């Protein structure tokens, strides 16, 4: 089974949301809702400086009774988050998620954030690879050329 690259098969660029650190949590939540994204990349220009996830909003704002209109992303972001390189294999992302409990991992290329890979994206990739593997094995075992021909009498 060939190793697939994040950018080609897994990374979801359409869900990439980049906002400035002075953006309110409320505005960021609306943007995440619009883009159906579970995380916001906090950037300075194209440089990633932090990440805020839906769990951060829940645990660091809502659960503590903070006002999402006045709380800024810079107040609740995880600073300098771990990232994956643009061409990292899926196994590297899975390893990070397993080792650190991440649900979203930013993807960088040449020092700029270019996407995000989520636990859900990786699950779908692994599921597809397993289904492909099963199909290939079934084709090998039961496909044409590998069975005994039936002779009609």
C-alpha atoms as a PDB file:
ATOM      1  CA  UNK A   1       0.000   0.000   0.000  1.00  0.00           C
ATOM      2  CA  UNK A   2       1.659   3.289  -1.036  1.00  0.00           C
ATOM      3  CA  UNK A   3       2.126   6.025   1.540  1.00  0.00           C
ATOM      4  CA  UNK A   4      -0.145   8.919   0.696  1.00  0.00           C
ATOM      5  CA  UNK A   5       0.811  12.504   1.240  1.00  0.00           C
ATOM      6  CA  UNK A   6      -1.277  14.890   3.321  1.00  0.00           C
ATOM      7  CA  UNK A   7      -1.637  17.587   0.729  1.00  0.00           C
ATOM      8  CA  UNK A   8      -2.707  15.271  -2.054  1.00  0.00           C
ATOM      9  CA  UNK A   9      -5.186  13.124  -0.174  1.00  0.00           C
ATOM     10  CA  UNK A  10      -6.066  14.317   3.302  1.00  0.00           C
ATOM     11  CA  UNK A  11      -5.516  18.005   4.004  1.00  0.00           C
ATOM     12  CA  UNK A  12      -8.683  20.021   3.750  1.00  0.00           C
ATOM     13  CA  UNK A  13      -7.776  23.439   2.377  1.00  0.00           C
ATOM     14  CA  UNK A  14     -11.423  24.497   2.132  1.00  0.00           C
ATOM     15  CA  UNK A  15     -11.726  24.389   5.917  1.00  0.00           C
ATOM     16  CA  UNK A  16      -8.635  26.506   6.541  1.00  0.00           C
ATOM     17  CA  UNK A  17      -9.589  29.542   8.608  1.00  0.00           C
ATOM     18  CA  UNK A  18      -6.823  32.041   9.387  1.00  0.00           C
ATOM     19  CA  UNK A  19      -7.529  34.987  11.647  1.00  0.00           C
ATOM     20  CA  UNK A  20      -5.522  37.653  13.445  1.00  0.00           C
ATOM     21  CA  UNK A  21      -4.809  37.295  17.175  1.00  0.00           C
ATOM     22  CA  UNK A  22      -6.942  40.366  17.978  1.00  0.00           C
ATOM     23  CA  UNK A  23     -10.085  38.715  16.524  1.00  0.00           C
ATOM     24  CA  UNK A  24     -12.826  38.096  19.088  1.00  0.00           C
ATOM     25  CA  UNK A  25     -13.741  34.539  19.972  1.00  0.00           C
ATOM     26  CA  UNK A  26     -17.304  35.326  18.906  1.00  0.00           C
ATOM     27  CA  UNK A  27     -16.201  36.397  15.405  1.00  0.00           C
ATOM     28  CA  UNK A  28     -13.931  33.364  15.141  1.00  0.00           C
ATOM     29  CA  UNK A  29     -16.775  31.043  16.158  1.00  0.00           C
ATOM     30  CA  UNK A  30     -19.008  32.513  13.454  1.00  0.00           C
ATOM     31  CA  UNK A  31     -16.253  31.983  10.870  1.00  0.00           C
ATOM     32  CA  UNK A  32     -15.733  28.382  11.997  1.00  0.00           C
ATOM     33  CA  UNK A  33     -19.491  27.814  11.709  1.00  0.00           C
ATOM     34  CA  UNK A  34     -19.591  29.300   8.185  1.00  0.00           C
ATOM     35  CA  UNK A  35     -16.656  27.166   7.007  1.00  0.00           C
ATOM     36  CA  UNK A  36     -17.713  24.055   8.958  1.00  0.00           C
ATOM     37  CA  UNK A  37     -14.288  23.998  10.559  1.00  0.00           C
ATOM     38  CA  UNK A  38     -13.331  22.872  14.041  1.00  0.00           C
ATOM     39  CA  UNK A  39     -10.237  25.058  14.316  1.00  0.00           C
ATOM     40  CA  UNK A  40      -8.874  28.518  13.555  1.00  0.00           C
ATOM     41  CA  UNK A  41      -5.249  29.152  12.683  1.00  0.00           C
ATOM     42  CA  UNK A  42      -4.087  32.323  14.384  1.00  0.00           C
ATOM     43  CA  UNK A  43      -1.658  34.030  12.052  1.00  0.00           C
ATOM     44  CA  UNK A  44       0.531  37.048  11.724  1.00  0.00           C
ATOM     45  CA  UNK A  45       0.681  37.534   7.980  1.00  0.00           C
ATOM     46  CA  UNK A  46       1.191  33.997   6.689  1.00  0.00           C
ATOM     47  CA  UNK A  47       3.113  32.878   9.796  1.00  0.00           C
ATOM     48  CA  UNK A  48       1.264  30.577  12.189  1.00  0.00           C
ATOM     49  CA  UNK A  49       1.441  31.820  15.777  1.00  0.00           C
ATOM     50  CA  UNK A  50      -1.362  29.816  17.386  1.00  0.00           C
ATOM     51  CA  UNK A  51      -4.397  27.592  17.049  1.00  0.00           C
ATOM     52  CA  UNK A  52      -7.855  27.817  18.600  1.00  0.00           C
ATOM     53  CA  UNK A  53     -10.190  24.848  18.423  1.00  0.00           C
ATOM     54  CA  UNK A  54     -13.870  24.409  19.177  1.00  0.00           C
ATOM     55  CA  UNK A  55     -12.803  22.695  22.414  1.00  0.00           C
ATOM     56  CA  UNK A  56     -10.755  25.760  23.357  1.00  0.00           C
ATOM     57  CA  UNK A  57     -13.832  27.949  22.870  1.00  0.00           C
ATOM     58  CA  UNK A  58     -15.893  25.620  25.025  1.00  0.00           C
ATOM     59  CA  UNK A  59     -13.346  24.984  27.789  1.00  0.00           C
ATOM     60  CA  UNK A  60     -11.511  28.334  27.915  1.00  0.00           C
ATOM     61  CA  UNK A  61     -14.421  30.700  27.277  1.00  0.00           C
ATOM     62  CA  UNK A  62     -17.919  29.254  27.649  1.00  0.00           C
ATOM     63  CA  UNK A  63     -17.238  26.959  30.623  1.00  0.00           C
ATOM     64  CA  UNK A  64     -15.454  29.774  32.471  1.00  0.00           C
ATOM     65  CA  UNK A  65     -18.176  32.344  31.800  1.00  0.00           C
ATOM     66  CA  UNK A  66     -15.919  34.608  29.756  1.00  0.00           C
ATOM     67  CA  UNK A  67     -17.501  36.980  27.250  1.00  0.00           C
ATOM     68  CA  UNK A  68     -16.799  35.721  23.702  1.00  0.00           C
ATOM     69  CA  UNK A  69     -17.351  39.246  22.336  1.00  0.00           C
ATOM     70  CA  UNK A  70     -14.449  40.668  24.352  1.00  0.00           C
ATOM     71  CA  UNK A  71     -12.203  37.624  24.692  1.00  0.00           C
ATOM     72  CA  UNK A  72      -9.578  37.584  21.955  1.00  0.00           C
ATOM     73  CA  UNK A  73      -8.045  34.629  20.168  1.00  0.00           C
ATOM     74  CA  UNK A  74      -4.681  35.650  21.601  1.00  0.00           C
ATOM     75  CA  UNK A  75      -6.149  35.144  25.099  1.00  0.00           C
ATOM     76  CA  UNK A  76      -7.047  31.484  24.538  1.00  0.00           C
ATOM     77  CA  UNK A  77      -4.868  30.204  21.679  1.00  0.00           C
ATOM     78  CA  UNK A  78      -2.325  27.447  21.969  1.00  0.00           C
ATOM     79  CA  UNK A  79       0.854  29.288  21.059  1.00  0.00           C
ATOM     80  CA  UNK A  80       3.348  27.880  18.556  1.00  0.00           C
ATOM     81  CA  UNK A  81       1.424  24.682  17.866  1.00  0.00           C
ATOM     82  CA  UNK A  82       3.049  21.591  16.444  1.00  0.00           C
ATOM     83  CA  UNK A  83       2.686  21.375  12.679  1.00  0.00           C
ATOM     84  CA  UNK A  84       3.115  18.876   9.895  1.00  0.00           C
ATOM     85  CA  UNK A  85       5.101  19.508   6.745  1.00  0.00           C
ATOM     86  CA  UNK A  86       3.157  19.754   3.493  1.00  0.00           C
ATOM     87  CA  UNK A  87       4.436  16.383   2.244  1.00  0.00           C
ATOM     88  CA  UNK A  88       4.256  14.387   5.492  1.00  0.00           C
ATOM     89  CA  UNK A  89       2.861  10.854   5.231  1.00  0.00           C
ATOM     90  CA  UNK A  90      -0.485  10.091   6.841  1.00  0.00           C
ATOM     91  CA  UNK A  91       1.296   7.865   9.370  1.00  0.00           C
ATOM     92  CA  UNK A  92       3.146  10.892  10.782  1.00  0.00           C
ATOM     93  CA  UNK A  93      -0.114  12.764  11.343  1.00  0.00           C
ATOM     94  CA  UNK A  94      -1.685   9.706  12.952  1.00  0.00           C
ATOM     95  CA  UNK A  95       1.328   9.387  15.232  1.00  0.00           C
ATOM     96  CA  UNK A  96       1.020  12.998  16.390  1.00  0.00           C
ATOM     97  CA  UNK A  97      -2.686  12.685  17.016  1.00  0.00           C
ATOM     98  CA  UNK A  98      -2.191   9.488  18.988  1.00  0.00           C
ATOM     99  CA  UNK A  99       0.809  10.707  20.972  1.00  0.00           C
ATOM    100  CA  UNK A 100      -0.531  14.150  21.906  1.00  0.00           C
ATOM    101  CA  UNK A 101      -4.310  13.817  21.645  1.00  0.00           C
ATOM    102  CA  UNK A 102      -4.622  16.452  18.932  1.00  0.00           C
ATOM    103  CA  UNK A 103      -7.814  16.740  16.925  1.00  0.00           C
ATOM    104  CA  UNK A 104      -6.477  19.288  14.426  1.00  0.00           C
ATOM    105  CA  UNK A 105      -2.928  19.695  13.156  1.00  0.00           C
ATOM    106  CA  UNK A 106      -1.849  22.675  11.026  1.00  0.00           C
ATOM    107  CA  UNK A 107       0.043  21.936   7.807  1.00  0.00           C
ATOM    108  CA  UNK A 108       2.881  24.212   6.711  1.00  0.00           C
ATOM    109  CA  UNK A 109       4.839  24.730   3.532  1.00  0.00           C
ATOM    110  CA  UNK A 110       7.827  27.049   3.318  1.00  0.00           C
ATOM    111  CA  UNK A 111       6.993  28.571   6.701  1.00  0.00           C
ATOM    112  CA  UNK A 112       3.375  29.412   5.854  1.00  0.00           C
ATOM    113  CA  UNK A 113       0.255  27.630   7.035  1.00  0.00           C
ATOM    114  CA  UNK A 114      -1.471  26.083   4.002  1.00  0.00           C
ATOM    115  CA  UNK A 115      -4.057  23.797   5.542  1.00  0.00           C
ATOM    116  CA  UNK A 116      -5.244  21.781   8.476  1.00  0.00           C
ATOM    117  CA  UNK A 117      -5.710  18.061   8.901  1.00  0.00           C
ATOM    118  CA  UNK A 118      -8.274  16.810  11.373  1.00  0.00           C
ATOM    119  CA  UNK A 119      -8.724  13.546  13.170  1.00  0.00           C
ATOM    120  CA  UNK A 120     -11.862  13.034  11.063  1.00  0.00           C
ATOM    121  CA  UNK A 121      -9.912  13.579   7.816  1.00  0.00           C
ATOM    122  CA  UNK A 122      -7.364  10.984   8.917  1.00  0.00           C
ATOM    123  CA  UNK A 123     -10.032   8.522   9.953  1.00  0.00           C
ATOM    124  CA  UNK A 124     -11.619   8.764   6.501  1.00  0.00           C
ATOM    125  CA  UNK A 125      -8.222   8.242   4.841  1.00  0.00           C
ATOM    126  CA  UNK A 126      -7.408   5.161   6.909  1.00  0.00           C
ATOM    127  CA  UNK A 127     -10.911   3.790   6.311  1.00  0.00           C
ATOM    128  CA  UNK A 128     -10.480   4.246   2.551  1.00  0.00           C
ATOM    129  CA  UNK A 129      -7.049   2.591   2.591  1.00  0.00           C
ATOM    130  CA  UNK A 130      -8.444  -0.398   4.497  1.00  0.00           C
ATOM    131  CA  UNK A 131     -11.360  -0.721   2.078  1.00  0.00           C
ATOM    132  CA  UNK A 132      -8.977  -0.535  -0.893  1.00  0.00           C
ATOM    133  CA  UNK A 133      -6.741  -3.173   0.679  1.00  0.00           C
ATOM    134  CA  UNK A 134      -9.691  -5.523   1.261  1.00  0.00           C
ATOM    135  CA  UNK A 135     -10.873  -5.002  -2.311  1.00  0.00           C
ATOM    136  CA  UNK A 136      -7.385  -5.756  -3.696  1.00  0.00           C
ATOM    137  CA  UNK A 137      -7.113  -8.926  -1.601  1.00  0.00           C
ATOM    138  CA  UNK A 138     -10.566 -10.116  -2.628  1.00  0.00           C
ATOM    139  CA  UNK A 139      -9.738  -9.426  -6.267  1.00  0.00           C
ATOM    140  CA  UNK A 140      -6.510 -11.381  -5.921  1.00  0.00           C
ATOM    141  CA  UNK A 141      -8.176 -14.333  -4.218  1.00  0.00           C
ATOM    142  CA  UNK A 142     -11.473 -14.474  -6.062  1.00  0.00           C
ATOM    143  CA  UNK A 143     -10.972 -12.406  -9.220  1.00  0.00           C
ATOM    144  CA  UNK A 144     -10.661 -13.636 -12.775  1.00  0.00           C
ATOM    145  CA  UNK A 145      -7.758 -15.959 -13.537  1.00  0.00           C
ATOM    146  CA  UNK A 146      -7.528 -17.330 -10.012  1.00  0.00           C
ATOM    147  CA  UNK A 147     -10.513 -19.647  -9.912  1.00  0.00           C
ATOM    148  CA  UNK A 148     -11.052 -23.122 -11.323  1.00  0.00           C
ATOM    149  CA  UNK A 149     -13.280 -22.923 -14.402  1.00  0.00           C
ATOM    150  CA  UNK A 150     -16.639 -24.624 -14.150  1.00  0.00           C
ATOM    151  CA  UNK A 151     -17.184 -27.216 -16.927  1.00  0.00           C
ATOM    152  CA  UNK A 152     -20.789 -27.559 -18.071  1.00  0.00           C
ATOM    153  CA  UNK A 153     -22.058 -31.104 -18.691  1.00  0.00           C
END
